[in-house]
PDB file of all heavy atoms in Angstrom:
ATOM      1  N   ASP A   1       0.798  -1.223   0.003  1.00  0.00           N
ATOM      2  CA  ASP A   1       0.000   0.001   0.002  1.00  0.00           C
ATOM      3  C   ASP A   1       0.841   1.280   0.000  1.00  0.00           C
ATOM      4  O   ASP A   1       0.305   2.376   0.077  1.00  0.00           O
ATOM      5  CB  ASP A   1      -0.953   0.030   1.194  1.00  0.00           C
ATOM      6  CG  ASP A   1      -0.245  -0.137   2.535  1.00  0.00           C
ATOM      7  OD1 ASP A   1       0.986   0.023   2.563  1.00  0.00           O
ATOM      8  OD2 ASP A   1      -0.927  -0.431   3.536  1.00  0.00           O
ATOM      9  N   ARG A   2       2.172   1.124  -0.078  1.00  0.00           N
ATOM     10  CA  ARG A   2       3.046   2.307  -0.132  1.00  0.00           C
ATOM     11  C   ARG A   2       4.291   1.943  -0.916  1.00  0.00           C
ATOM     12  O   ARG A   2       4.828   0.846  -0.742  1.00  0.00           O
ATOM     13  CB  ARG A   2       3.411   2.779   1.281  1.00  0.00           C
ATOM     14  CG  ARG A   2       4.427   3.930   1.317  1.00  0.00           C
ATOM     15  CD  ARG A   2       4.749   4.342   2.744  1.00  0.00           C
ATOM     16  NE  ARG A   2       3.624   4.999   3.377  1.00  0.00           N
ATOM     17  CZ  ARG A   2       3.364   6.296   3.268  1.00  0.00           C
ATOM     18  NH1 ARG A   2       4.142   7.068   2.541  1.00  0.00           N
ATOM     19  NH2 ARG A   2       2.332   6.819   3.866  1.00  0.00           N
ATOM     20  N   VAL A   3       4.743   2.850  -1.774  1.00  0.00           N
ATOM     21  CA  VAL A   3       5.952   2.565  -2.544  1.00  0.00           C
ATOM     22  C   VAL A   3       7.101   3.519  -2.252  1.00  0.00           C
ATOM     23  O   VAL A   3       8.216   3.284  -2.680  1.00  0.00           O
ATOM     24  CB  VAL A   3       5.659   2.551  -4.064  1.00  0.00           C
ATOM     25  CG1 VAL A   3       4.843   1.323  -4.421  1.00  0.00           C
ATOM     26  CG2 VAL A   3       4.952   3.812  -4.505  1.00  0.00           C
ATOM     27  N   PHE A   4       6.837   4.598  -1.519  1.00  0.00           N
ATOM     28  CA  PHE A   4       7.925   5.441  -1.027  1.00  0.00           C
ATOM     29  C   PHE A   4       7.390   6.385   0.024  1.00  0.00           C
ATOM     30  O   PHE A   4       6.183   6.541   0.189  1.00  0.00           O
ATOM     31  CB  PHE A   4       8.608   6.230  -2.163  1.00  0.00           C
ATOM     32  CG  PHE A   4       7.746   7.285  -2.798  1.00  0.00           C
ATOM     33  CD1 PHE A   4       7.700   8.580  -2.302  1.00  0.00           C
ATOM     34  CD2 PHE A   4       6.985   6.999  -3.923  1.00  0.00           C
ATOM     35  CE1 PHE A   4       6.916   9.547  -2.913  1.00  0.00           C
ATOM     36  CE2 PHE A   4       6.208   7.950  -4.537  1.00  0.00           C
ATOM     37  CZ  PHE A   4       6.167   9.236  -4.020  1.00  0.00           C
ATOM     38  N   ASP A   5       8.279   6.997   0.779  1.00  0.00           N
ATOM     39  CA  ASP A   5       7.894   7.951   1.810  1.00  0.00           C
ATOM     40  C   ASP A   5       8.136   9.374   1.336  1.00  0.00           C
ATOM     41  O   ASP A   5       9.215   9.700   0.842  1.00  0.00           O
ATOM     42  CB  ASP A   5       8.708   7.732   3.090  1.00  0.00           C
ATOM     43  CG  ASP A   5       8.272   6.473   3.825  1.00  0.00           C
ATOM     44  OD1 ASP A   5       7.062   6.171   3.768  1.00  0.00           O
ATOM     45  OD2 ASP A   5       9.125   5.812   4.441  1.00  0.00           O
ATOM     46  N   ALA A   6       7.168  10.244   1.454  1.00  0.00           N
ATOM     47  CA  ALA A   6       7.335  11.667   1.160  1.00  0.00           C
ATOM     48  C   ALA A   6       7.972  12.307   2.379  1.00  0.00           C
ATOM     49  O   ALA A   6       7.830  11.842   3.498  1.00  0.00           O
ATOM     50  CB  ALA A   6       5.993  12.291   0.843  1.00  0.00           C
ATOM     51  N   PRO A   7       8.686  13.462   2.251  1.00  0.00           N
ATOM     52  CA  PRO A   7       8.827  14.229   1.006  1.00  0.00           C
ATOM     53  C   PRO A   7      10.125  13.984   0.273  1.00  0.00           C
ATOM     54  O   PRO A   7      10.428  14.678  -0.678  1.00  0.00           O
ATOM     55  CB  PRO A   7       8.780  15.668   1.527  1.00  0.00           C
ATOM     56  CG  PRO A   7       9.500  15.587   2.840  1.00  0.00           C
ATOM     57  CD  PRO A   7       9.128  14.228   3.415  1.00  0.00           C
ATOM     58  N   ALA A   8      10.940  13.034   0.713  1.00  0.00           N
ATOM     59  CA  ALA A   8      12.234  12.831   0.068  1.00  0.00           C
ATOM     60  C   ALA A   8      12.050  12.465  -1.394  1.00  0.00           C
ATOM     61  O   ALA A   8      11.171  11.707  -1.756  1.00  0.00           O
ATOM     62  CB  ALA A   8      12.999  11.723   0.787  1.00  0.00           C
ATOM     63  N   ALA A   9      12.921  13.046  -2.239  1.00  0.00           N
ATOM     64  CA  ALA A   9      12.827  12.765  -3.674  1.00  0.00           C
ATOM     65  C   ALA A   9      13.231  11.342  -3.975  1.00  0.00           C
ATOM     66  O   ALA A   9      12.687  10.682  -4.833  1.00  0.00           O
ATOM     67  CB  ALA A   9      13.697  13.741  -4.468  1.00  0.00           C
ATOM     68  N   THR A  10      14.246  10.854  -3.257  1.00  0.00           N
ATOM     69  CA  THR A  10      14.645   9.453  -3.403  1.00  0.00           C
ATOM     70  C   THR A  10      14.786   8.883  -2.007  1.00  0.00           C
ATOM     71  O   THR A  10      15.480   9.436  -1.166  1.00  0.00           O
ATOM     72  CB  THR A  10      15.994   9.323  -4.145  1.00  0.00           C
ATOM     73  OG1 THR A  10      16.992  10.053  -3.435  1.00  0.00           O
ATOM     74  CG2 THR A  10      15.868   9.841  -5.557  1.00  0.00           C
ATOM     75  N   SER A  11      14.099   7.827  -1.745  1.00  0.00           N
ATOM     76  CA  SER A  11      14.142   7.214  -0.430  1.00  0.00           C
ATOM     77  C   SER A  11      13.853   5.736  -0.576  1.00  0.00           C
ATOM     78  O   SER A  11      13.407   5.276  -1.612  1.00  0.00           O
ATOM     79  CB  SER A  11      13.103   7.870   0.490  1.00  0.00           C
ATOM     80  OG  SER A  11      11.801   7.658  -0.014  1.00  0.00           O
ATOM     81  N   THR A  12      14.118   5.012   0.468  1.00  0.00           N
ATOM     82  CA  THR A  12      13.824   3.587   0.480  1.00  0.00           C
ATOM     83  C   THR A  12      12.907   3.303   1.642  1.00  0.00           C
ATOM     84  O   THR A  12      13.174   3.693   2.760  1.00  0.00           O
ATOM     85  CB  THR A  12      15.099   2.767   0.611  1.00  0.00           C
ATOM     86  OG1 THR A  12      15.943   3.057  -0.492  1.00  0.00           O
ATOM     87  CG2 THR A  12      14.785   1.267   0.637  1.00  0.00           C
ATOM     88  N   ALA A  13      11.792   2.645   1.359  1.00  0.00           N
ATOM     89  CA  ALA A  13      10.826   2.298   2.398  1.00  0.00           C
ATOM     90  C   ALA A  13      10.624   0.805   2.396  1.00  0.00           C
ATOM     91  O   ALA A  13      10.565   0.189   1.349  1.00  0.00           O
ATOM     92  CB  ALA A  13       9.492   3.017   2.138  1.00  0.00           C
ATOM     93  N   THR A  14      10.544   0.238   3.550  1.00  0.00           N
ATOM     94  CA  THR A  14      10.315  -1.193   3.655  1.00  0.00           C
ATOM     95  C   THR A  14       9.044  -1.431   4.431  1.00  0.00           C
ATOM     96  O   THR A  14       8.819  -0.825   5.463  1.00  0.00           O
ATOM     97  CB  THR A  14      11.487  -1.885   4.383  1.00  0.00           C
ATOM     98  OG1 THR A  14      12.685  -1.613   3.666  1.00  0.00           O
ATOM     99  CG2 THR A  14      11.266  -3.396   4.473  1.00  0.00           C
ATOM    100  N   SER A  15       8.194  -2.276   3.910  1.00  0.00           N
ATOM    101  CA  SER A  15       6.954  -2.605   4.589  1.00  0.00           C
ATOM    102  C   SER A  15       6.745  -4.099   4.521  1.00  0.00           C
ATOM    103  O   SER A  15       7.381  -4.804   3.744  1.00  0.00           O
ATOM    104  CB  SER A  15       5.764  -1.888   3.915  1.00  0.00           C
ATOM    105  OG  SER A  15       5.673  -2.297   2.570  1.00  0.00           O
ATOM    106  N   THR A  16       5.864  -4.595   5.339  1.00  0.00           N
ATOM    107  CA  THR A  16       5.546  -6.014   5.342  1.00  0.00           C
ATOM    108  C   THR A  16       4.232  -6.237   4.663  1.00  0.00           C
ATOM    109  O   THR A  16       3.266  -5.539   4.934  1.00  0.00           O
ATOM    110  CB  THR A  16       5.486  -6.546   6.778  1.00  0.00           C
ATOM    111  OG1 THR A  16       6.751  -6.351   7.384  1.00  0.00           O
ATOM    112  CG2 THR A  16       5.149  -8.038   6.795  1.00  0.00           C
ATOM    113  N   ALA A  17       4.186  -7.181   3.753  1.00  0.00           N
ATOM    114  CA  ALA A  17       2.967  -7.458   2.999  1.00  0.00           C
ATOM    115  C   ALA A  17       2.629  -8.925   3.121  1.00  0.00           C
ATOM    116  O   ALA A  17       3.490  -9.766   3.269  1.00  0.00           O
ATOM    117  CB  ALA A  17       3.168  -7.096   1.527  1.00  0.00           C
ATOM    118  N   THR A  18       1.341  -9.213   3.047  1.00  0.00           N
ATOM    119  CA  THR A  18       0.882 -10.590   3.076  1.00  0.00           C
ATOM    120  C   THR A  18       0.086 -10.861   1.831  1.00  0.00           C
ATOM    121  O   THR A  18      -0.787 -10.086   1.475  1.00  0.00           O
ATOM    122  CB  THR A  18      -0.011 -10.839   4.310  1.00  0.00           C
ATOM    123  OG1 THR A  18       0.749 -10.542   5.464  1.00  0.00           O
ATOM    124  CG2 THR A  18      -0.462 -12.297   4.357  1.00  0.00           C
ATOM    125  N   ALA A  19       0.365 -11.943   1.143  1.00  0.00           N
ATOM    126  CA  ALA A  19      -0.333 -12.262  -0.100  1.00  0.00           C
ATOM    127  C   ALA A  19      -0.354 -13.771  -0.288  1.00  0.00           C
ATOM    128  O   ALA A  19       0.442 -14.486   0.289  1.00  0.00           O
ATOM    129  CB  ALA A  19       0.344 -11.596  -1.293  1.00  0.00           C
ATOM    130  N   THR A  20      -1.237 -14.226  -1.107  1.00  0.00           N
ATOM    131  CA  THR A  20      -1.311 -15.642  -1.451  1.00  0.00           C
ATOM    132  C   THR A  20      -0.337 -15.916  -2.597  1.00  0.00           C
ATOM    133  O   THR A  20      -0.271 -15.147  -3.527  1.00  0.00           O
ATOM    134  CB  THR A  20      -2.742 -15.988  -1.898  1.00  0.00           C
ATOM    135  OG1 THR A  20      -3.631 -15.645  -0.840  1.00  0.00           O
ATOM    136  CG2 THR A  20      -2.874 -17.461  -2.229  1.00  0.00           C
ATOM    137  N   PRO A  21       0.444 -16.988  -2.568  1.00  0.00           N
ATOM    138  CA  PRO A  21       0.387 -18.046  -1.565  1.00  0.00           C
ATOM    139  C   PRO A  21       1.429 -17.912  -0.463  1.00  0.00           C
ATOM    140  O   PRO A  21       1.504 -18.765   0.404  1.00  0.00           O
ATOM    141  CB  PRO A  21       0.648 -19.296  -2.391  1.00  0.00           C
ATOM    142  CG  PRO A  21       1.641 -18.800  -3.418  1.00  0.00           C
ATOM    143  CD  PRO A  21       1.221 -17.403  -3.738  1.00  0.00           C
ATOM    144  N   THR A  22       2.287 -16.892  -0.505  1.00  0.00           N
ATOM    145  CA  THR A  22       3.328 -16.750   0.500  1.00  0.00           C
ATOM    146  C   THR A  22       2.738 -16.142   1.759  1.00  0.00           C
ATOM    147  O   THR A  22       2.019 -15.155   1.692  1.00  0.00           O
ATOM    148  CB  THR A  22       4.452 -15.846  -0.030  1.00  0.00           C
ATOM    149  OG1 THR A  22       4.884 -16.364  -1.282  1.00  0.00           O
ATOM    150  CG2 THR A  22       5.616 -15.804   0.932  1.00  0.00           C
ATOM    151  N   ALA A  23       3.040 -16.686   2.914  1.00  0.00           N
ATOM    152  CA  ALA A  23       2.421 -16.221   4.150  1.00  0.00           C
ATOM    153  C   ALA A  23       2.884 -14.817   4.518  1.00  0.00           C
ATOM    154  O   ALA A  23       2.117 -13.999   4.988  1.00  0.00           O
ATOM    155  CB  ALA A  23       2.731 -17.184   5.286  1.00  0.00           C
ATOM    156  N   SER A  24       4.148 -14.503   4.334  1.00  0.00           N
ATOM    157  CA  SER A  24       4.649 -13.178   4.685  1.00  0.00           C
ATOM    158  C   SER A  24       5.723 -12.775   3.693  1.00  0.00           C
ATOM    159  O   SER A  24       6.621 -13.548   3.401  1.00  0.00           O
ATOM    160  CB  SER A  24       5.222 -13.198   6.101  1.00  0.00           C
ATOM    161  OG  SER A  24       5.735 -11.940   6.449  1.00  0.00           O
ATOM    162  N   GLU A  25       5.629 -11.557   3.188  1.00  0.00           N
ATOM    163  CA  GLU A  25       6.572 -11.092   2.188  1.00  0.00           C
ATOM    164  C   GLU A  25       7.027  -9.685   2.499  1.00  0.00           C
ATOM    165  O   GLU A  25       6.369  -8.956   3.243  1.00  0.00           O
ATOM    166  CB  GLU A  25       5.913 -11.125   0.801  1.00  0.00           C
ATOM    167  CG  GLU A  25       5.493 -12.529   0.377  1.00  0.00           C
ATOM    168  CD  GLU A  25       4.323 -12.522  -0.572  1.00  0.00           C
ATOM    169  OE1 GLU A  25       3.808 -11.428  -0.835  1.00  0.00           O
ATOM    170  OE2 GLU A  25       3.925 -13.598  -1.016  1.00  0.00           O
ATOM    171  N   THR A  26       8.116  -9.270   1.938  1.00  0.00           N
ATOM    172  CA  THR A  26       8.625  -7.931   2.155  1.00  0.00           C
ATOM    173  C   THR A  26       8.686  -7.196   0.839  1.00  0.00           C
ATOM    174  O   THR A  26       9.173  -7.725  -0.146  1.00  0.00           O
ATOM    175  CB  THR A  26      10.047  -7.975   2.767  1.00  0.00           C
ATOM    176  OG1 THR A  26       9.967  -8.683   4.000  1.00  0.00           O
ATOM    177  CG2 THR A  26      10.567  -6.572   3.001  1.00  0.00           C
ATOM    178  N   ALA A  27       8.169  -5.951   0.830  1.00  0.00           N
ATOM    179  CA  ALA A  27       8.192  -5.135  -0.381  1.00  0.00           C
ATOM    180  C   ALA A  27       9.128  -3.959  -0.158  1.00  0.00           C
ATOM    181  O   ALA A  27       9.030  -3.279   0.844  1.00  0.00           O
ATOM    182  CB  ALA A  27       6.796  -4.639  -0.702  1.00  0.00           C
ATOM    183  N   THR A  28      10.055  -3.738  -1.071  1.00  0.00           N
ATOM    184  CA  THR A  28      10.968  -2.631  -0.987  1.00  0.00           C
ATOM    185  C   THR A  28      10.741  -1.716  -2.164  1.00  0.00           C
ATOM    186  O   THR A  28      10.607  -2.175  -3.285  1.00  0.00           O
ATOM    187  CB  THR A  28      12.435  -3.104  -1.016  1.00  0.00           C
ATOM    188  OG1 THR A  28      12.616  -4.048   0.053  1.00  0.00           O
ATOM    189  CG2 THR A  28      13.389  -1.939  -0.850  1.00  0.00           C
ATOM    190  N   ALA A  29      10.657  -0.410  -1.908  1.00  0.00           N
ATOM    191  CA  ALA A  29      10.352   0.531  -2.985  1.00  0.00           C
ATOM    192  C   ALA A  29      11.328   1.677  -2.970  1.00  0.00           C
ATOM    193  O   ALA A  29      11.780   2.119  -1.926  1.00  0.00           O
ATOM    194  CB  ALA A  29       8.937   1.063  -2.819  1.00  0.00           C
ATOM    195  N   THR A  30      11.685   2.163  -4.141  1.00  0.00           N
ATOM    196  CA  THR A  30      12.567   3.301  -4.273  1.00  0.00           C
ATOM    197  C   THR A  30      11.928   4.344  -5.136  1.00  0.00           C
ATOM    198  O   THR A  30      11.469   4.035  -6.235  1.00  0.00           O
ATOM    199  CB  THR A  30      13.918   2.882  -4.896  1.00  0.00           C
ATOM    200  OG1 THR A  30      14.484   1.834  -4.096  1.00  0.00           O
ATOM    201  CG2 THR A  30      14.868   4.067  -4.964  1.00  0.00           C
ATOM    202  N   ALA A  31      11.834   5.592  -4.657  1.00  0.00           N
ATOM    203  CA  ALA A  31      11.237   6.664  -5.437  1.00  0.00           C
ATOM    204  C   ALA A  31      12.288   7.229  -6.374  1.00  0.00           C
ATOM    205  O   ALA A  31      13.443   7.357  -6.035  1.00  0.00           O
ATOM    206  CB  ALA A  31      10.741   7.767  -4.508  1.00  0.00           C
ATOM    207  N   SER A  32      11.839   7.549  -7.588  1.00  0.00           N
ATOM    208  CA  SER A  32      12.749   8.148  -8.553  1.00  0.00           C
ATOM    209  C   SER A  32      12.103   9.338  -9.212  1.00  0.00           C
ATOM    210  O   SER A  32      10.929   9.598  -9.031  1.00  0.00           O
ATOM    211  CB  SER A  32      13.134   7.112  -9.616  1.00  0.00           C
ATOM    212  OG  SER A  32      12.005   6.765 -10.376  1.00  0.00           O
ATOM    213  N   ALA A  33      12.875  10.071  -9.982  1.00  0.00           N
ATOM    214  CA  ALA A  33      12.382  11.299 -10.592  1.00  0.00           C
ATOM    215  C   ALA A  33      11.462  11.027 -11.764  1.00  0.00           C
ATOM    216  O   ALA A  33      10.706  11.881 -12.177  1.00  0.00           O
ATOM    217  CB  ALA A  33      13.549  12.171 -11.034  1.00  0.00           C
ATOM    218  N   SER A  34      11.518   9.863 -12.351  1.00  0.00           N
ATOM    219  CA  SER A  34      10.674   9.573 -13.513  1.00  0.00           C
ATOM    220  C   SER A  34      10.395   8.089 -13.572  1.00  0.00           C
ATOM    221  O   SER A  34      11.024   7.290 -12.900  1.00  0.00           O
ATOM    222  CB  SER A  34      11.367  10.024 -14.801  1.00  0.00           C
ATOM    223  OG  SER A  34      12.566   9.290 -14.997  1.00  0.00           O
ATOM    224  N   GLY A  35       9.404   7.744 -14.389  1.00  0.00           N
ATOM    225  CA  GLY A  35       9.061   6.343 -14.577  1.00  0.00           C
ATOM    226  C   GLY A  35       7.863   5.942 -13.774  1.00  0.00           C
ATOM    227  O   GLY A  35       7.366   6.660 -12.940  1.00  0.00           O
ATOM    228  N   SER A  36       7.360   4.743 -14.022  1.00  0.00           N
ATOM    229  CA  SER A  36       6.217   4.216 -13.283  1.00  0.00           C
ATOM    230  C   SER A  36       6.719   3.336 -12.160  1.00  0.00           C
ATOM    231  O   SER A  36       7.911   3.118 -11.994  1.00  0.00           O
ATOM    232  CB  SER A  36       5.302   3.425 -14.223  1.00  0.00           C
ATOM    233  OG  SER A  36       6.007   2.297 -14.714  1.00  0.00           O
ATOM    234  N   ALA A  37       5.792   2.822 -11.364  1.00  0.00           N
ATOM    235  CA  ALA A  37       6.178   1.974 -10.245  1.00  0.00           C
ATOM    236  C   ALA A  37       5.804   0.547 -10.544  1.00  0.00           C
ATOM    237  O   ALA A  37       4.780   0.279 -11.129  1.00  0.00           O
ATOM    238  CB  ALA A  37       5.474   2.436  -8.973  1.00  0.00           C
ATOM    239  N   THR A  38       6.633  -0.361 -10.145  1.00  0.00           N
ATOM    240  CA  THR A  38       6.313  -1.772 -10.284  1.00  0.00           C
ATOM    241  C   THR A  38       6.442  -2.431  -8.920  1.00  0.00           C
ATOM    242  O   THR A  38       7.473  -2.296  -8.266  1.00  0.00           O
ATOM    243  CB  THR A  38       7.261  -2.460 -11.284  1.00  0.00           C
ATOM    244  OG1 THR A  38       7.147  -1.825 -12.544  1.00  0.00           O
ATOM    245  CG2 THR A  38       6.917  -3.941 -11.418  1.00  0.00           C
ATOM    246  N   ALA A  39       5.386  -3.103  -8.478  1.00  0.00           N
ATOM    247  CA  ALA A  39       5.408  -3.806  -7.200  1.00  0.00           C
ATOM    248  C   ALA A  39       5.076  -5.257  -7.464  1.00  0.00           C
ATOM    249  O   ALA A  39       4.032  -5.561  -8.007  1.00  0.00           O
ATOM    250  CB  ALA A  39       4.403  -3.200  -6.225  1.00  0.00           C
ATOM    251  N   THR A  40       5.957  -6.166  -7.115  1.00  0.00           N
ATOM    252  CA  THR A  40       5.685  -7.586  -7.329  1.00  0.00           C
ATOM    253  C   THR A  40       5.606  -8.279  -6.000  1.00  0.00           C
ATOM    254  O   THR A  40       6.489  -8.152  -5.161  1.00  0.00           O
ATOM    255  CB  THR A  40       6.798  -8.234  -8.188  1.00  0.00           C
ATOM    256  OG1 THR A  40       8.057  -8.020  -7.547  1.00  0.00           O
ATOM    257  CG2 THR A  40       6.816  -7.637  -9.578  1.00  0.00           C
ATOM    258  N   ALA A  41       4.523  -9.020  -5.812  1.00  0.00           N
ATOM    259  CA  ALA A  41       4.319  -9.710  -4.536  1.00  0.00           C
ATOM    260  C   ALA A  41       4.996 -11.075  -4.570  1.00  0.00           C
ATOM    261  O   ALA A  41       4.366 -12.110  -4.525  1.00  0.00           O
ATOM    262  CB  ALA A  41       2.834  -9.864  -4.250  1.00  0.00           C
ATOM    263  N   THR A  42       6.314 -11.057  -4.692  1.00  0.00           N
ATOM    264  CA  THR A  42       7.103 -12.280  -4.592  1.00  0.00           C
ATOM    265  C   THR A  42       7.831 -12.206  -3.257  1.00  0.00           C
ATOM    266  O   THR A  42       7.545 -11.361  -2.434  1.00  0.00           O
ATOM    267  CB  THR A  42       8.096 -12.378  -5.756  1.00  0.00           C
ATOM    268  OG1 THR A  42       8.908 -11.198  -5.769  1.00  0.00           O
ATOM    269  CG2 THR A  42       7.348 -12.472  -7.077  1.00  0.00           C
ATOM    270  N   SER A  43       8.810 -13.086  -3.042  1.00  0.00           N
ATOM    271  CA  SER A  43       9.475 -13.118  -1.740  1.00  0.00           C
ATOM    272  C   SER A  43      10.124 -11.782  -1.411  1.00  0.00           C
ATOM    273  O   SER A  43      10.166 -11.367  -0.268  1.00  0.00           O
ATOM    274  CB  SER A  43      10.514 -14.234  -1.715  1.00  0.00           C
ATOM    275  OG  SER A  43      11.433 -14.063  -2.782  1.00  0.00           O
ATOM    276  N   THR A  44      10.658 -11.081  -2.400  1.00  0.00           N
ATOM    277  CA  THR A  44      11.185  -9.738  -2.213  1.00  0.00           C
ATOM    278  C   THR A  44      10.744  -8.916  -3.418  1.00  0.00           C
ATOM    279  O   THR A  44      11.064  -9.270  -4.539  1.00  0.00           O
ATOM    280  CB  THR A  44      12.712  -9.700  -2.117  1.00  0.00           C
ATOM    281  OG1 THR A  44      13.117 -10.513  -1.007  1.00  0.00           O
ATOM    282  CG2 THR A  44      13.211  -8.295  -1.922  1.00  0.00           C
ATOM    283  N   ALA A  45      10.033  -7.816  -3.175  1.00  0.00           N
ATOM    284  CA  ALA A  45       9.513  -7.006  -4.279  1.00  0.00           C
ATOM    285  C   ALA A  45      10.258  -5.695  -4.320  1.00  0.00           C
ATOM    286  O   ALA A  45      10.388  -5.005  -3.334  1.00  0.00           O
ATOM    287  CB  ALA A  45       8.024  -6.753  -4.089  1.00  0.00           C
TER     288      ALA A  45
END
C-alpha cells in the first residue's frame, strides 16, 4: 500500500505485506524522478 515515503525525492521504504500463496513477504520501494512503479508480490519485491 506504499511505494515510497514523502517528502524525500529518493528514499527507500520497507513494509511487510501478506499475499497468497506466500504467508509473509517484504516489499521494498525506491522513489525516482521519472518512470512508473512496479510492485511484485514475490518473496522480495
